[in-house]
Each structure stands twice: as C-alpha cells, then as structure tokens.
Amino acid sequence: MHFHTNSKESIPSDNIYRNETYENIFKLIEKKNHRIRRVGLGTLSFFLIAFAIAFIISVQGKPSIGDNIFIKLGIKTWSRVNWGFHYPVLVSLFFSYLALYLSEKYYYQIGGKLARMLSRVYSILLTSIIMVYIYI
C-alpha cells in the first residue's frame, strides 16, 4: 500500500519495511548459526594437545609413543646415546603450539575451550622446562 500526501514527499509502502525486517532476521539467524558449537578445528586442537602429551609420556618403563615413532623412522631420540636432549619433546612442543593456535581461534567449537586451557598450561610448562634445561 502506498500513501500519498499533499507534500512532495511520500511515505514508503509497508513491503519495504517488511523486507528490511526479514533481512534483519536473516542476519541474526546467520550470526547465531556461526557460533553454534560444532565439530571443527577447535575439536582437532583437543586431539592435537592430547597427542602432544601422549607423545612424550612413557608408562611403566616402556618407551613413549614419540620414542617408538622415532625408532621406526631410524631417527635418534636422544642427542647423546641415552641421555641429553630428548628430540620428541620438540615435536610435542610443536603440536602443543599448533593446538594452542587452533584452540585460540576456534574456542567456541566442541572441545575448544578445554583444549585452549590444556594447551596454554602444557605449552608454558614444556617451554619453561626446555629453557631451564638449555640455560643450566
């Protein structure tokens, strides 16, 4: 419906207002759907930090997963024969920083907040241990 007044200005029809309202509703729906918790890179970050932790932990005196992978690839696990710097720690640190980056960016996805907390603590702890080892 279009209204005319005696002045030169006219009032727009109701359809224009309805279209603007629908557009606003669709924008709100799109915005809300963007933040729905779903599986994605935030979830992957949880598995990355879990793998980073499991990569260097040995259980009951058995070699860790990282040691086994390095041995299978024919790479030394220690900088010296059985002591020195443990190379799988560097790989674990890489995975933890990757998990930290992904969890910071995609924290709203499933497992993202837990991965963000774990990767922050683990990265700081592992980095500080490496720094102490290097400088002492």
Foldseek 3Di string as FASTA:
>chain_A
DWDDDPDPDTDDDVVVVVVVVVVVVVVVVVVVVVLPAADDLLVVLLVLLVCLVQLQDDPPPDGGVVCVVCVVVVHDQAPDNPDHDGVSLVVSLVSLVVSCVSLVVPVSYVNSVVSNVSSVVVNVVSVVVVVVSVVD
